[in-house]
């Protein structure tokens, strides 16, 4: 019996050491992945800074979507040029645009989605305040001979008209939120702000609109300045980037639930922009906020009138 006890104690001790070793190894691997991710993101930010402040080079590509695209050296721009950018989201947004008369592109960047809508023969209102993006946006409308289809507004949209600070060196990731995605507030510019309701007031009353909003965390304020647009007689279709625990300077989007409630209260159904077009309820949103994570990898959602 004592031998069995000693054997069991030895076995338990060995297993404990093995479990402890495995735990240490897993912890090291986890920290290694975090360091690699952080390194890649810092490298990405450095590249963005370089292509904003140092390099003025642009390149022109023929996309598989049937239009030309002039880009800067940003990684996201290169993915757009190669037609590898948000492919599932593009397919969903394309379906919405095809059902519309007018496309509203808020945070138009270099005009990728503006060009997509123009290629489908739709009228476009494009909003882009960041100067490097704006230059490419105008070029892309021009080189595709769509100057008669698209209107360009070199302003940001928000809750009220005014002047706000645009933070970040990056063309693709500049934000009205200080500290967005870890970008330094050392790089910033003042930009004019208007509201969607002001600009759309009385326009296209009999038309179906699709509105895309990609404004790096500032979407809630854009929507607060678009209450009349949300509740038009012919309700628009909407496509938004909305992050919960990604990129926000406070680690979590404090307006996440309220952003969805604006749509639910105005008579819309929400969907994840995934292949299944998964419906989203208010209970889902509240569970995600409670857990601090959505449990899925998509940032984009679309909203259809009920």
Protein backbone atom coordinates (compact mmCIF):
# COMPACT_ATOMS: atom_id res chain seq x y z
CA UNK A 1 0.00 0.00 0.00
CA UNK A 2 2.71 2.58 0.83
CA UNK A 3 4.32 1.84 -2.53
CA UNK A 4 1.04 2.55 -4.29
CA UNK A 5 0.68 5.81 -2.39
CA UNK A 6 4.21 6.85 -3.30
CA UNK A 7 3.58 5.86 -6.92
CA UNK A 8 0.35 7.88 -7.04
CA UNK A 9 2.03 10.89 -5.44
CA UNK A 10 4.88 10.69 -7.93
CA UNK A 11 2.44 10.38 -10.84
CA UNK A 12 0.41 13.33 -9.55
CA UNK A 13 3.58 15.39 -9.10
CA UNK A 14 4.74 14.60 -12.64
CA UNK A 15 1.33 15.47 -14.08
CA UNK A 16 1.27 18.72 -12.13
CA UNK A 17 4.68 19.65 -13.51
CA UNK A 18 3.53 18.71 -17.03
CA UNK A 19 0.33 20.75 -16.64
CA UNK A 20 2.33 23.66 -15.27
CA UNK A 21 4.80 23.41 -18.15
CA UNK A 22 1.99 23.26 -20.70
CA UNK A 23 0.38 26.29 -19.09
CA UNK A 24 3.65 28.22 -19.30
CA UNK A 25 4.11 27.19 -22.94
CA UNK A 26 0.56 28.28 -23.83
CA UNK A 27 1.11 31.59 -22.03
CA UNK A 28 4.37 32.16 -23.92
CA UNK A 29 2.68 31.36 -27.25
CA UNK A 30 -0.19 33.72 -26.44
CA UNK A 31 2.22 36.54 -25.56
CA UNK A 32 4.22 35.80 -28.71
CA UNK A 33 1.08 36.09 -30.88
CA UNK A 34 0.22 39.40 -29.19
CA UNK A 35 3.72 40.73 -29.79
CA UNK A 36 3.62 39.66 -33.45
CA UNK A 37 0.20 41.28 -33.89
CA UNK A 38 1.41 44.47 -32.21
CA UNK A 39 4.56 44.50 -34.36
CA UNK A 40 2.53 44.08 -37.56
CA UNK A 41 0.14 46.87 -36.53
CA UNK A 42 2.99 49.23 -35.65
CA UNK A 43 4.57 48.42 -39.02
CA UNK A 44 1.20 49.10 -40.66
CA UNK A 45 0.91 52.48 -38.90
CA UNK A 46 4.45 53.41 -39.94
CA UNK A 47 3.57 52.56 -43.54
CA UNK A 48 0.45 54.73 -43.29
CA UNK A 49 2.48 57.63 -41.90
CA UNK A 50 5.02 57.31 -44.73
CA UNK A 51 2.39 57.29 -47.47
CA UNK A 52 0.59 60.26 -45.90
CA UNK A 53 3.53 62.59 -45.22
CA UNK A 54 6.47 61.41 -47.34
CA UNK A 55 5.41 59.58 -50.49
CA UNK A 56 3.09 61.29 -52.98
CA UNK A 57 3.21 58.42 -55.48
CA UNK A 58 -0.05 57.07 -56.89
CA UNK A 59 -0.66 54.03 -59.07
CA UNK A 60 -3.52 53.26 -61.42
CA UNK A 61 -5.12 49.81 -61.68
CA UNK A 62 -7.89 48.13 -63.64
CA UNK A 63 -10.08 46.34 -61.09
CA UNK A 64 -12.01 43.12 -61.69
CA UNK A 65 -15.17 45.10 -60.88
CA UNK A 66 -14.89 46.93 -64.19
CA UNK A 67 -13.48 50.32 -63.25
CA UNK A 68 -10.09 52.00 -62.93
CA UNK A 69 -8.74 52.83 -59.50
CA UNK A 70 -5.95 55.25 -58.67
CA UNK A 71 -4.47 54.59 -55.24
CA UNK A 72 -1.73 55.65 -52.87
CA UNK A 73 0.57 53.14 -51.18
CA UNK A 74 -1.69 52.30 -48.25
CA UNK A 75 -2.16 48.57 -47.64
CA UNK A 76 -5.96 48.89 -47.69
CA UNK A 77 -5.75 50.74 -51.03
CA UNK A 78 -3.68 47.92 -52.52
CA UNK A 79 -6.30 45.38 -51.43
CA UNK A 80 -8.95 47.51 -53.15
CA UNK A 81 -6.91 47.62 -56.34
CA UNK A 82 -6.50 43.83 -56.27
CA UNK A 83 -10.25 43.39 -55.62
CA UNK A 84 -9.38 41.51 -52.41
CA UNK A 85 -10.99 44.08 -50.13
CA UNK A 86 -14.00 42.96 -48.03
CA UNK A 87 -15.30 40.62 -50.75
CA UNK A 88 -18.36 39.36 -48.84
CA UNK A 89 -19.28 42.89 -47.81
CA UNK A 90 -18.89 44.11 -51.40
CA UNK A 91 -21.31 41.48 -52.67
CA UNK A 92 -23.92 42.48 -50.09
CA UNK A 93 -23.47 46.20 -50.66
CA UNK A 94 -23.62 45.70 -54.42
CA UNK A 95 -27.00 43.98 -54.02
CA UNK A 96 -28.29 46.94 -51.99
CA UNK A 97 -26.97 49.48 -54.48
CA UNK A 98 -28.58 47.62 -57.38
CA UNK A 99 -31.98 48.08 -55.67
CA UNK A 100 -31.37 51.82 -55.18
CA UNK A 101 -31.54 55.00 -57.21
CA UNK A 102 -28.94 56.96 -55.22
CA UNK A 103 -25.88 55.89 -53.23
CA UNK A 104 -24.67 57.97 -50.26
CA UNK A 105 -21.00 57.24 -49.50
CA UNK A 106 -20.03 58.61 -46.08
CA UNK A 107 -16.31 58.13 -45.50
CA UNK A 108 -15.75 57.58 -49.21
CA UNK A 109 -11.97 57.19 -48.84
CA UNK A 110 -10.45 56.94 -52.36
CA UNK A 111 -13.84 56.18 -53.91
CA UNK A 112 -13.87 52.39 -54.15
CA UNK A 113 -17.58 52.08 -53.33
CA UNK A 114 -18.37 55.33 -55.12
CA UNK A 115 -16.87 53.83 -58.27
CA UNK A 116 -18.78 50.58 -57.72
CA UNK A 117 -22.07 52.51 -57.54
CA UNK A 118 -21.21 54.65 -60.57
CA UNK A 119 -20.32 51.51 -62.54
CA UNK A 120 -23.90 50.37 -61.87
CA UNK A 121 -25.25 53.65 -63.25
CA UNK A 122 -26.30 55.10 -59.87
CA UNK A 123 -26.08 58.70 -58.75
CA UNK A 124 -23.62 59.16 -55.87
CA UNK A 125 -23.08 61.68 -53.10
CA UNK A 126 -19.57 61.08 -51.69
CA UNK A 127 -18.29 62.59 -48.43
CA UNK A 128 -14.55 62.61 -47.68
CA UNK A 129 -12.66 65.25 -45.64
CA UNK A 130 -9.16 63.68 -45.59
CA UNK A 131 -7.04 65.45 -48.20
CA UNK A 132 -5.04 62.52 -49.61
CA UNK A 133 -8.18 60.41 -49.88
CA UNK A 134 -10.10 63.29 -51.41
CA UNK A 135 -7.51 63.78 -54.17
CA UNK A 136 -7.72 60.10 -55.16
CA UNK A 137 -11.53 60.15 -54.92
CA UNK A 138 -11.74 63.03 -57.39
CA UNK A 139 -9.18 61.39 -59.69
CA UNK A 140 -11.07 58.11 -59.68
CA UNK A 141 -14.35 59.76 -60.62
CA UNK A 142 -12.57 61.66 -63.39
CA UNK A 143 -10.54 58.80 -64.94
CA UNK A 144 -13.70 56.69 -65.19
CA UNK A 145 -15.67 59.54 -66.85
CA UNK A 146 -18.28 59.64 -64.09
CA UNK A 147 -18.17 63.37 -63.34
CA UNK A 148 -21.85 63.63 -64.28
CA UNK A 149 -22.90 60.90 -61.83
CA UNK A 150 -21.04 61.78 -58.63
CA UNK A 151 -21.12 64.79 -56.31
CA UNK A 152 -18.17 65.18 -53.95
CA UNK A 153 -18.45 66.88 -50.55
CA UNK A 154 -15.06 67.61 -48.89
CA UNK A 155 -16.57 67.58 -45.39
CA UNK A 156 -17.17 65.18 -42.55
CA UNK A 157 -20.66 64.39 -41.28
CA UNK A 158 -21.75 64.58 -37.65
CA UNK A 159 -24.51 65.47 -35.21
CA UNK A 160 -24.32 69.23 -35.79
CA UNK A 161 -22.49 71.54 -38.21
CA UNK A 162 -19.16 72.87 -37.01
CA UNK A 163 -15.42 72.30 -37.01
CA UNK A 164 -13.82 69.16 -35.53
CA UNK A 165 -10.37 67.58 -35.30
CA UNK A 166 -9.52 64.66 -37.58
CA UNK A 167 -6.87 62.51 -35.88
CA UNK A 168 -4.29 60.14 -37.34
CA UNK A 169 -1.70 60.10 -40.08
CA UNK A 170 -3.48 57.43 -42.06
CA UNK A 171 -5.67 58.01 -45.08
CA UNK A 172 -7.65 54.79 -44.51
CA UNK A 173 -7.85 55.10 -40.70
CA UNK A 174 -8.11 58.81 -39.91
CA UNK A 175 -10.81 59.32 -37.29
CA UNK A 176 -12.69 61.96 -35.34
CA UNK A 177 -11.95 59.84 -32.24
CA UNK A 178 -8.71 60.73 -30.47
CA UNK A 179 -6.64 57.53 -30.10
CA UNK A 180 -8.57 55.47 -32.66
CA UNK A 181 -6.74 52.20 -33.47
CA UNK A 182 -3.74 53.34 -31.45
CA UNK A 183 -2.84 56.21 -33.78
CA UNK A 184 -1.01 59.12 -32.19
CA UNK A 185 -2.90 62.40 -31.73
CA UNK A 186 0.31 64.13 -32.79
CA UNK A 187 -1.05 64.04 -36.35
CA UNK A 188 -4.31 65.95 -36.72
CA UNK A 189 -6.15 68.48 -38.85
CA UNK A 190 -9.25 70.61 -38.44
CA UNK A 191 -12.09 69.74 -40.82
CA UNK A 192 -15.57 71.16 -41.51
CA UNK A 193 -18.58 69.13 -40.36
CA UNK A 194 -22.14 69.18 -41.62
CA UNK A 195 -25.13 66.88 -41.13
CA UNK A 196 -26.67 64.38 -43.49
CA UNK A 197 -30.11 65.88 -42.89
CA UNK A 198 -28.88 69.34 -43.91
CA UNK A 199 -27.35 68.13 -47.15
CA UNK A 200 -30.13 65.72 -48.15
CA UNK A 201 -32.97 68.03 -47.09
CA UNK A 202 -35.64 67.95 -49.81
CA UNK A 203 -33.46 65.95 -52.22
CA UNK A 204 -34.54 62.71 -53.90
CA UNK A 205 -37.92 62.46 -52.09
CA UNK A 206 -39.19 59.75 -54.45
CA UNK A 207 -35.90 57.83 -54.68
CA UNK A 208 -34.61 54.75 -52.90
CA UNK A 209 -31.29 55.42 -51.17
CA UNK A 210 -28.51 53.17 -49.98
CA UNK A 211 -26.28 54.81 -47.36
CA UNK A 212 -22.81 53.46 -46.54
CA UNK A 213 -21.10 54.83 -43.42
CA UNK A 214 -17.48 53.97 -42.64
CA UNK A 215 -16.12 56.70 -40.39
CA UNK A 216 -13.78 54.91 -37.97
CA UNK A 217 -15.88 54.98 -34.81
CA UNK A 218 -17.85 58.19 -35.39
CA UNK A 219 -20.93 56.54 -36.94
CA UNK A 220 -23.22 57.22 -33.96
CA UNK A 221 -22.82 61.00 -34.30
CA UNK A 222 -23.34 60.77 -38.07
CA UNK A 223 -26.65 58.99 -37.43
CA UNK A 224 -27.72 61.54 -34.80
CA UNK A 225 -27.42 64.13 -37.55
CA UNK A 226 -29.45 61.91 -39.89
CA UNK A 227 -32.68 61.38 -37.93
CA UNK A 228 -34.85 62.76 -40.75
CA UNK A 229 -33.02 60.61 -43.29
CA UNK A 230 -33.56 57.50 -41.14
CA UNK A 231 -37.28 58.23 -41.12
CA UNK A 232 -37.86 59.29 -44.72
CA UNK A 233 -41.14 58.23 -46.31
CA UNK A 234 -39.13 55.80 -48.44
CA UNK A 235 -36.71 54.47 -45.86
CA UNK A 236 -33.12 54.03 -47.07
CA UNK A 237 -31.06 50.85 -46.83
CA UNK A 238 -27.95 51.25 -44.68
CA UNK A 239 -24.52 49.62 -44.54
CA UNK A 240 -22.24 50.51 -41.60
CA UNK A 241 -18.97 49.58 -39.99
CA UNK A 242 -19.66 49.34 -36.23
CA UNK A 243 -16.97 48.03 -33.89
CA UNK A 244 -17.58 46.95 -30.29
CA UNK A 245 -14.21 46.03 -28.77
CA UNK A 246 -11.94 46.72 -31.73
CA UNK A 247 -9.94 49.92 -32.32
CA UNK A 248 -11.85 52.13 -29.86
CA UNK A 249 -9.57 54.23 -27.61
CA UNK A 250 -11.51 53.22 -24.51
CA UNK A 251 -11.28 49.52 -25.47
CA UNK A 252 -15.06 49.36 -25.94
CA UNK A 253 -17.60 51.32 -27.98
CA UNK A 254 -19.85 53.02 -25.43
CA UNK A 255 -22.37 53.90 -28.18
CA UNK A 256 -22.64 50.38 -29.61
CA UNK A 257 -26.13 49.56 -28.28
CA UNK A 258 -27.45 53.08 -28.90
CA UNK A 259 -26.27 52.93 -32.52
CA UNK A 260 -28.38 49.84 -33.17
CA UNK A 261 -31.31 51.23 -31.18
CA UNK A 262 -31.49 54.23 -33.52
CA UNK A 263 -32.26 51.76 -36.30
CA UNK A 264 -34.57 49.49 -34.30
CA UNK A 265 -36.57 52.49 -33.03
CA UNK A 266 -36.91 53.80 -36.60
CA UNK A 267 -38.31 50.53 -37.97
CA UNK A 268 -35.28 48.65 -39.30
CA UNK A 269 -34.02 45.08 -39.04
CA UNK A 270 -30.27 44.57 -38.51
CA UNK A 271 -28.07 41.93 -40.15
CA UNK A 272 -24.41 40.96 -39.91
CA UNK A 273 -22.70 41.47 -43.27
CA UNK A 274 -21.60 37.84 -43.45
CA UNK A 275 -22.37 35.16 -46.04
CA UNK A 276 -25.42 34.00 -44.07
CA UNK A 277 -26.72 37.58 -43.62
CA UNK A 278 -27.36 36.71 -39.98
CA UNK A 279 -30.22 38.69 -38.38
CA UNK A 280 -29.37 40.63 -35.21
CA UNK A 281 -31.81 41.44 -32.39
CA UNK A 282 -31.61 43.94 -29.55
CA UNK A 283 -31.08 40.99 -27.17
CA UNK A 284 -28.06 39.95 -29.25
CA UNK A 285 -26.64 43.46 -28.99
CA UNK A 286 -27.13 43.59 -25.23
CA UNK A 287 -25.50 40.17 -24.79
CA UNK A 288 -22.51 41.29 -26.87
CA UNK A 289 -22.13 44.47 -24.83
CA UNK A 290 -22.41 42.47 -21.59
CA UNK A 291 -19.74 40.02 -22.79
CA UNK A 292 -17.51 42.75 -24.22
CA UNK A 293 -17.34 40.93 -27.55
CA UNK A 294 -19.62 40.08 -30.47
CA UNK A 295 -18.25 36.55 -30.78
CA UNK A 296 -17.83 36.93 -34.54
CA UNK A 297 -15.21 38.52 -36.77
CA UNK A 298 -17.34 40.93 -38.81
CA UNK A 299 -17.33 44.70 -38.29
CA UNK A 300 -19.97 45.49 -40.92
CA UNK A 301 -23.76 45.41 -40.58
CA UNK A 302 -26.64 46.32 -42.83
CA UNK A 303 -30.10 47.57 -41.98
CA UNK A 304 -33.29 47.15 -44.00
CA UNK A 305 -36.71 48.71 -43.45
CA UNK A 306 -39.14 46.30 -41.79
